[in-house]
Amino acid sequence: MNKVASLIFLIAGIVLLVYGVSASESIGSSFSRLFTGTPTDRTIWFLIGGAIATAVGLVGLLRGSKP
């Protein structure tokens, strides 16, 4: 994987993590936690997707591209 793609994954992952954290503090997520004990599915998917994309981006940047 080249460095540009890795950088895109890293930035997209960070953006998804920020959206996930802000969604976890929303009113809908608060009501979901109140009644079910867990945040909304949307919040969970943002956080999981962000963590995976960030990890892929970091691994790609740290590994470097092969010629």
PDB file of N, CA and C in Angstrom:
ATOM      1  N   MET A   1       0.842  -1.166   0.000  1.00  0.00           N
ATOM      2  CA  MET A   1       0.000   0.000   0.000  1.00  0.00           C
ATOM      3  C   MET A   1       0.892   1.235   0.000  1.00  0.00           C
ATOM      4  N   ASN A   2       0.565   2.192  -0.844  1.00  0.00           N
ATOM      5  CA  ASN A   2       1.422   3.374  -0.900  1.00  0.00           C
ATOM      6  C   ASN A   2       1.081   4.357   0.224  1.00  0.00           C
ATOM      7  N   LYS A   3       1.934   5.316   0.401  1.00  0.00           N
ATOM      8  CA  LYS A   3       1.808   6.237   1.526  1.00  0.00           C
ATOM      9  C   LYS A   3       0.592   7.155   1.406  1.00  0.00           C
ATOM     10  N   VAL A   4       0.193   7.488   0.195  1.00  0.00           N
ATOM     11  CA  VAL A   4      -0.975   8.355   0.016  1.00  0.00           C
ATOM     12  C   VAL A   4      -2.237   7.633   0.489  1.00  0.00           C
ATOM     13  N   ALA A   5      -2.395   6.385   0.105  1.00  0.00           N
ATOM     14  CA  ALA A   5      -3.558   5.610   0.535  1.00  0.00           C
ATOM     15  C   ALA A   5      -3.548   5.414   2.050  1.00  0.00           C
ATOM     16  N   SER A   6      -2.381   5.164   2.606  1.00  0.00           N
ATOM     17  CA  SER A   6      -2.271   5.002   4.053  1.00  0.00           C
ATOM     18  C   SER A   6      -2.644   6.283   4.775  1.00  0.00           C
ATOM     19  N   LEU A   7      -2.214   7.406   4.250  1.00  0.00           N
ATOM     20  CA  LEU A   7      -2.539   8.693   4.847  1.00  0.00           C
ATOM     21  C   LEU A   7      -4.039   8.976   4.765  1.00  0.00           C
ATOM     22  N   ILE A   8      -4.659   8.605   3.660  1.00  0.00           N
ATOM     23  CA  ILE A   8      -6.108   8.771   3.504  1.00  0.00           C
ATOM     24  C   ILE A   8      -6.847   7.910   4.521  1.00  0.00           C
ATOM     25  N   PHE A   9      -6.414   6.652   4.692  1.00  0.00           N
ATOM     26  CA  PHE A   9      -7.023   5.789   5.696  1.00  0.00           C
ATOM     27  C   PHE A   9      -6.873   6.376   7.098  1.00  0.00           C
ATOM     28  N   LEU A  10      -5.702   6.899   7.392  1.00  0.00           N
ATOM     29  CA  LEU A  10      -5.447   7.470   8.709  1.00  0.00           C
ATOM     30  C   LEU A  10      -6.350   8.675   8.975  1.00  0.00           C
ATOM     31  N   ILE A  11      -6.454   9.568   8.015  1.00  0.00           N
ATOM     32  CA  ILE A  11      -7.297  10.756   8.180  1.00  0.00           C
ATOM     33  C   ILE A  11      -8.771  10.367   8.277  1.00  0.00           C
ATOM     34  N   ALA A  12      -9.218   9.451   7.421  1.00  0.00           N
ATOM     35  CA  ALA A  12     -10.611   9.005   7.468  1.00  0.00           C
ATOM     36  C   ALA A  12     -10.918   8.322   8.800  1.00  0.00           C
ATOM     37  N   GLY A  13      -9.977   7.539   9.304  1.00  0.00           N
ATOM     38  CA  GLY A  13     -10.169   6.880  10.583  1.00  0.00           C
ATOM     39  C   GLY A  13     -10.299   7.862  11.722  1.00  0.00           C
ATOM     40  N   ILE A  14      -9.474   8.890  11.716  1.00  0.00           N
ATOM     41  CA  ILE A  14      -9.546   9.903  12.767  1.00  0.00           C
ATOM     42  C   ILE A  14     -10.873  10.652  12.688  1.00  0.00           C
ATOM     43  N   VAL A  15     -11.317  10.970  11.474  1.00  0.00           N
ATOM     44  CA  VAL A  15     -12.605  11.652  11.303  1.00  0.00           C
ATOM     45  C   VAL A  15     -13.744  10.773  11.820  1.00  0.00           C
ATOM     46  N   LEU A  16     -13.719   9.483  11.505  1.00  0.00           N
ATOM     47  CA  LEU A  16     -14.757   8.573  11.990  1.00  0.00           C
ATOM     48  C   LEU A  16     -14.742   8.460  13.507  1.00  0.00           C
ATOM     49  N   LEU A  17     -13.559   8.430  14.098  1.00  0.00           N
ATOM     50  CA  LEU A  17     -13.468   8.377  15.560  1.00  0.00           C
ATOM     51  C   LEU A  17     -14.052   9.641  16.191  1.00  0.00           C
ATOM     52  N   VAL A  18     -13.780  10.800  15.588  1.00  0.00           N
ATOM     53  CA  VAL A  18     -14.335  12.049  16.111  1.00  0.00           C
ATOM     54  C   VAL A  18     -15.859  12.036  16.009  1.00  0.00           C
ATOM     55  N   TYR A  19     -16.401  11.578  14.861  1.00  0.00           N
ATOM     56  CA  TYR A  19     -17.848  11.474  14.721  1.00  0.00           C
ATOM     57  C   TYR A  19     -18.425  10.482  15.724  1.00  0.00           C
ATOM     58  N   GLY A  20     -17.733   9.386  15.953  1.00  0.00           N
ATOM     59  CA  GLY A  20     -18.203   8.389  16.911  1.00  0.00           C
ATOM     60  C   GLY A  20     -18.253   8.924  18.325  1.00  0.00           C
ATOM     61  N   VAL A  21     -17.231   9.666  18.709  1.00  0.00           N
ATOM     62  CA  VAL A  21     -17.209  10.245  20.055  1.00  0.00           C
ATOM     63  C   VAL A  21     -18.310  11.288  20.192  1.00  0.00           C
ATOM     64  N   SER A  22     -18.492  12.124  19.174  1.00  0.00           N
ATOM     65  CA  SER A  22     -19.548  13.136  19.267  1.00  0.00           C
ATOM     66  C   SER A  22     -20.935  12.486  19.232  1.00  0.00           C
ATOM     67  N   ALA A  23     -21.083  11.389  18.489  1.00  0.00           N
ATOM     68  CA  ALA A  23     -22.368  10.683  18.463  1.00  0.00           C
ATOM     69  C   ALA A  23     -22.643   9.997  19.791  1.00  0.00           C
ATOM     70  N   SER A  24     -21.593   9.589  20.484  1.00  0.00           N
ATOM     71  CA  SER A  24     -21.810   8.929  21.776  1.00  0.00           C
ATOM     72  C   SER A  24     -22.283   9.916  22.835  1.00  0.00           C
ATOM     73  N   GLU A  25     -22.057  11.198  22.608  1.00  0.00           N
ATOM     74  CA  GLU A  25     -22.497  12.217  23.553  1.00  0.00           C
ATOM     75  C   GLU A  25     -23.820  12.867  23.142  1.00  0.00           C
ATOM     76  N   SER A  26     -24.470  12.323  22.106  1.00  0.00           N
ATOM     77  CA  SER A  26     -25.720  12.908  21.630  1.00  0.00           C
ATOM     78  C   SER A  26     -26.895  12.486  22.510  1.00  0.00           C
ATOM     79  N   ILE A  27     -28.016  13.160  22.314  1.00  0.00           N
ATOM     80  CA  ILE A  27     -29.233  12.861  23.079  1.00  0.00           C
ATOM     81  C   ILE A  27     -29.730  11.449  22.761  1.00  0.00           C
ATOM     82  N   GLY A  28     -29.705  11.073  21.492  1.00  0.00           N
ATOM     83  CA  GLY A  28     -30.180   9.747  21.102  1.00  0.00           C
ATOM     84  C   GLY A  28     -29.374   8.640  21.746  1.00  0.00           C
ATOM     85  N   SER A  29     -28.081   8.824  21.783  1.00  0.00           N
ATOM     86  CA  SER A  29     -27.224   7.822  22.402  1.00  0.00           C
ATOM     87  C   SER A  29     -27.434   7.796  23.913  1.00  0.00           C
ATOM     88  N   SER A  30     -27.694   8.946  24.503  1.00  0.00           N
ATOM     89  CA  SER A  30     -27.965   9.004  25.941  1.00  0.00           C
ATOM     90  C   SER A  30     -29.244   8.244  26.287  1.00  0.00           C
ATOM     91  N   PHE A  31     -30.299   8.427  25.486  1.00  0.00           N
ATOM     92  CA  PHE A  31     -31.536   7.684  25.718  1.00  0.00           C
ATOM     93  C   PHE A  31     -31.336   6.188  25.497  1.00  0.00           C
ATOM     94  N   SER A  32     -30.557   5.845  24.476  1.00  0.00           N
ATOM     95  CA  SER A  32     -30.283   4.431  24.228  1.00  0.00           C
ATOM     96  C   SER A  32     -29.548   3.804  25.409  1.00  0.00           C
ATOM     97  N   ARG A  33     -28.555   4.518  25.942  1.00  0.00           N
ATOM     98  CA  ARG A  33     -27.831   4.007  27.119  1.00  0.00           C
ATOM     99  C   ARG A  33     -28.743   3.905  28.328  1.00  0.00           C
ATOM    100  N   LEU A  34     -29.682   4.835  28.456  1.00  0.00           N
ATOM    101  CA  LEU A  34     -30.595   4.833  29.593  1.00  0.00           C
ATOM    102  C   LEU A  34     -31.491   3.588  29.580  1.00  0.00           C
ATOM    103  N   PHE A  35     -32.011   3.248  28.394  1.00  0.00           N
ATOM    104  CA  PHE A  35     -32.956   2.140  28.313  1.00  0.00           C
ATOM    105  C   PHE A  35     -32.313   0.785  28.040  1.00  0.00           C
ATOM    106  N   THR A  36     -31.239   0.752  27.259  1.00  0.00           N
ATOM    107  CA  THR A  36     -30.640  -0.537  26.899  1.00  0.00           C
ATOM    108  C   THR A  36     -29.284  -0.765  27.541  1.00  0.00           C
ATOM    109  N   GLY A  37     -28.654   0.280  28.009  1.00  0.00           N
ATOM    110  CA  GLY A  37     -27.333   0.143  28.615  1.00  0.00           C
ATOM    111  C   GLY A  37     -26.191   0.220  27.618  1.00  0.00           C
ATOM    112  N   THR A  38     -26.509   0.352  26.333  1.00  0.00           N
ATOM    113  CA  THR A  38     -25.475   0.463  25.305  1.00  0.00           C
ATOM    114  C   THR A  38     -25.757   1.670  24.424  1.00  0.00           C
ATOM    115  N   PRO A  39     -24.717   2.228  23.805  1.00  0.00           N
ATOM    116  CA  PRO A  39     -24.949   3.344  22.867  1.00  0.00           C
ATOM    117  C   PRO A  39     -25.620   2.842  21.588  1.00  0.00           C
ATOM    118  N   THR A  40     -25.994   3.762  20.725  1.00  0.00           N
ATOM    119  CA  THR A  40     -26.671   3.385  19.482  1.00  0.00           C
ATOM    120  C   THR A  40     -25.732   2.605  18.563  1.00  0.00           C
ATOM    121  N   ASP A  41     -26.327   1.855  17.642  1.00  0.00           N
ATOM    122  CA  ASP A  41     -25.537   1.086  16.676  1.00  0.00           C
ATOM    123  C   ASP A  41     -24.671   2.000  15.817  1.00  0.00           C
ATOM    124  N   ARG A  42     -25.215   3.153  15.461  1.00  0.00           N
ATOM    125  CA  ARG A  42     -24.470   4.120  14.628  1.00  0.00           C
ATOM    126  C   ARG A  42     -23.173   4.524  15.322  1.00  0.00           C
ATOM    127  N   THR A  43     -23.262   4.807  16.605  1.00  0.00           N
ATOM    128  CA  THR A  43     -22.084   5.201  17.371  1.00  0.00           C
ATOM    129  C   THR A  43     -21.053   4.084  17.385  1.00  0.00           C
ATOM    130  N   ILE A  44     -21.511   2.880  17.617  1.00  0.00           N
ATOM    131  CA  ILE A  44     -20.599   1.737  17.672  1.00  0.00           C
ATOM    132  C   ILE A  44     -19.913   1.523  16.332  1.00  0.00           C
ATOM    133  N   TRP A  45     -20.657   1.634  15.237  1.00  0.00           N
ATOM    134  CA  TRP A  45     -20.052   1.431  13.914  1.00  0.00           C
ATOM    135  C   TRP A  45     -19.056   2.534  13.566  1.00  0.00           C
ATOM    136  N   PHE A  46     -19.356   3.772  13.957  1.00  0.00           N
ATOM    137  CA  PHE A  46     -18.392   4.862  13.748  1.00  0.00           C
ATOM    138  C   PHE A  46     -17.090   4.570  14.490  1.00  0.00           C
ATOM    139  N   LEU A  47     -17.196   4.152  15.737  1.00  0.00           N
ATOM    140  CA  LEU A  47     -15.997   3.887  16.535  1.00  0.00           C
ATOM    141  C   LEU A  47     -15.208   2.683  16.013  1.00  0.00           C
ATOM    142  N   ILE A  48     -15.904   1.613  15.647  1.00  0.00           N
ATOM    143  CA  ILE A  48     -15.220   0.425  15.117  1.00  0.00           C
ATOM    144  C   ILE A  48     -14.564   0.745  13.776  1.00  0.00           C
ATOM    145  N   GLY A  49     -15.314   1.385  12.882  1.00  0.00           N
ATOM    146  CA  GLY A  49     -14.762   1.744  11.569  1.00  0.00           C
ATOM    147  C   GLY A  49     -13.590   2.695  11.684  1.00  0.00           C
ATOM    148  N   GLY A  50     -13.698   3.661  12.590  1.00  0.00           N
ATOM    149  CA  GLY A  50     -12.603   4.603  12.794  1.00  0.00           C
ATOM    150  C   GLY A  50     -11.361   3.931  13.339  1.00  0.00           C
ATOM    151  N   ALA A  51     -11.543   3.013  14.276  1.00  0.00           N
ATOM    152  CA  ALA A  51     -10.397   2.303  14.845  1.00  0.00           C
ATOM    153  C   ALA A  51      -9.709   1.432  13.790  1.00  0.00           C
ATOM    154  N   ILE A  52     -10.482   0.746  12.984  1.00  0.00           N
ATOM    155  CA  ILE A  52      -9.905  -0.112  11.940  1.00  0.00           C
ATOM    156  C   ILE A  52      -9.191   0.720  10.882  1.00  0.00           C
ATOM    157  N   ALA A  53      -9.842   1.786  10.405  1.00  0.00           N
ATOM    158  CA  ALA A  53      -9.225   2.623   9.374  1.00  0.00           C
ATOM    159  C   ALA A  53      -7.956   3.293   9.890  1.00  0.00           C
ATOM    160  N   THR A  54      -7.974   3.730  11.142  1.00  0.00           N
ATOM    161  CA  THR A  54      -6.778   4.348  11.727  1.00  0.00           C
ATOM    162  C   THR A  54      -5.649   3.334  11.837  1.00  0.00           C
ATOM    163  N   ALA A  55      -5.974   2.129  12.267  1.00  0.00           N
ATOM    164  CA  ALA A  55      -4.949   1.082  12.387  1.00  0.00           C
ATOM    165  C   ALA A  55      -4.359   0.730  11.025  1.00  0.00           C
ATOM    166  N   VAL A  56      -5.200   0.609  10.007  1.00  0.00           N
ATOM    167  CA  VAL A  56      -4.714   0.294   8.657  1.00  0.00           C
ATOM    168  C   VAL A  56      -3.815   1.417   8.151  1.00  0.00           C
ATOM    169  N   GLY A  57      -4.218   2.659   8.381  1.00  0.00           N
ATOM    170  CA  GLY A  57      -3.411   3.796   7.956  1.00  0.00           C
ATOM    171  C   GLY A  57      -2.068   3.852   8.664  1.00  0.00           C
ATOM    172  N   LEU A  58      -2.069   3.619   9.969  1.00  0.00           N
ATOM    173  CA  LEU A  58      -0.806   3.634  10.718  1.00  0.00           C
ATOM    174  C   LEU A  58       0.129   2.519  10.292  1.00  0.00           C
ATOM    175  N   VAL A  59      -0.419   1.327  10.134  1.00  0.00           N
ATOM    176  CA  VAL A  59       0.423   0.194   9.700  1.00  0.00           C
ATOM    177  C   VAL A  59       0.994   0.465   8.320  1.00  0.00           C
ATOM    178  N   GLY A  60       0.178   0.993   7.439  1.00  0.00           N
ATOM    179  CA  GLY A  60       0.661   1.312   6.094  1.00  0.00           C
ATOM    180  C   GLY A  60       1.751   2.367   6.099  1.00  0.00           C
ATOM    181  N   LEU A  61       1.612   3.379   6.941  1.00  0.00           N
ATOM    182  CA  LEU A  61       2.635   4.427   7.012  1.00  0.00           C
ATOM    183  C   LEU A  61       3.912   3.922   7.661  1.00  0.00           C
ATOM    184  N   LEU A  62       3.786   3.121   8.705  1.00  0.00           N
ATOM    185  CA  LEU A  62       4.962   2.638   9.416  1.00  0.00           C
ATOM    186  C   LEU A  62       5.727   1.566   8.619  1.00  0.00           C
ATOM    187  N   ARG A  63       4.989   0.771   7.867  1.00  0.00           N
ATOM    188  CA  ARG A  63       5.623  -0.256   7.053  1.00  0.00           C
ATOM    189  C   ARG A  63       6.343   0.317   5.846  1.00  0.00           C
ATOM    190  N   GLY A  64       5.773   1.342   5.300  1.00  0.00           N
ATOM    191  CA  GLY A  64       6.357   1.945   4.096  1.00  0.00           C
ATOM    192  C   GLY A  64       5.923   1.182   2.851  1.00  0.00           C
ATOM    193  N   SER A  65       6.113   1.793   1.720  1.00  0.00           N
ATOM    194  CA  SER A  65       5.737   1.145   0.467  1.00  0.00           C
ATOM    195  C   SER A  65       6.945   0.449  -0.143  1.00  0.00           C
ATOM    196  N   LYS A  66       6.658  -0.656  -0.769  1.00  0.00           N
ATOM    197  CA  LYS A  66       7.730  -1.403  -1.437  1.00  0.00           C
ATOM    198  C   LYS A  66       7.861  -0.921  -2.874  1.00  0.00           C
ATOM    199  N   PRO A  67       9.064  -0.804  -3.362  1.00  0.00           N
ATOM    200  CA  PRO A  67       9.242  -0.308  -4.743  1.00  0.00           C
ATOM    201  C   PRO A  67       8.783  -1.285  -5.787  1.00  0.00           C
TER     202      PRO A  67
END
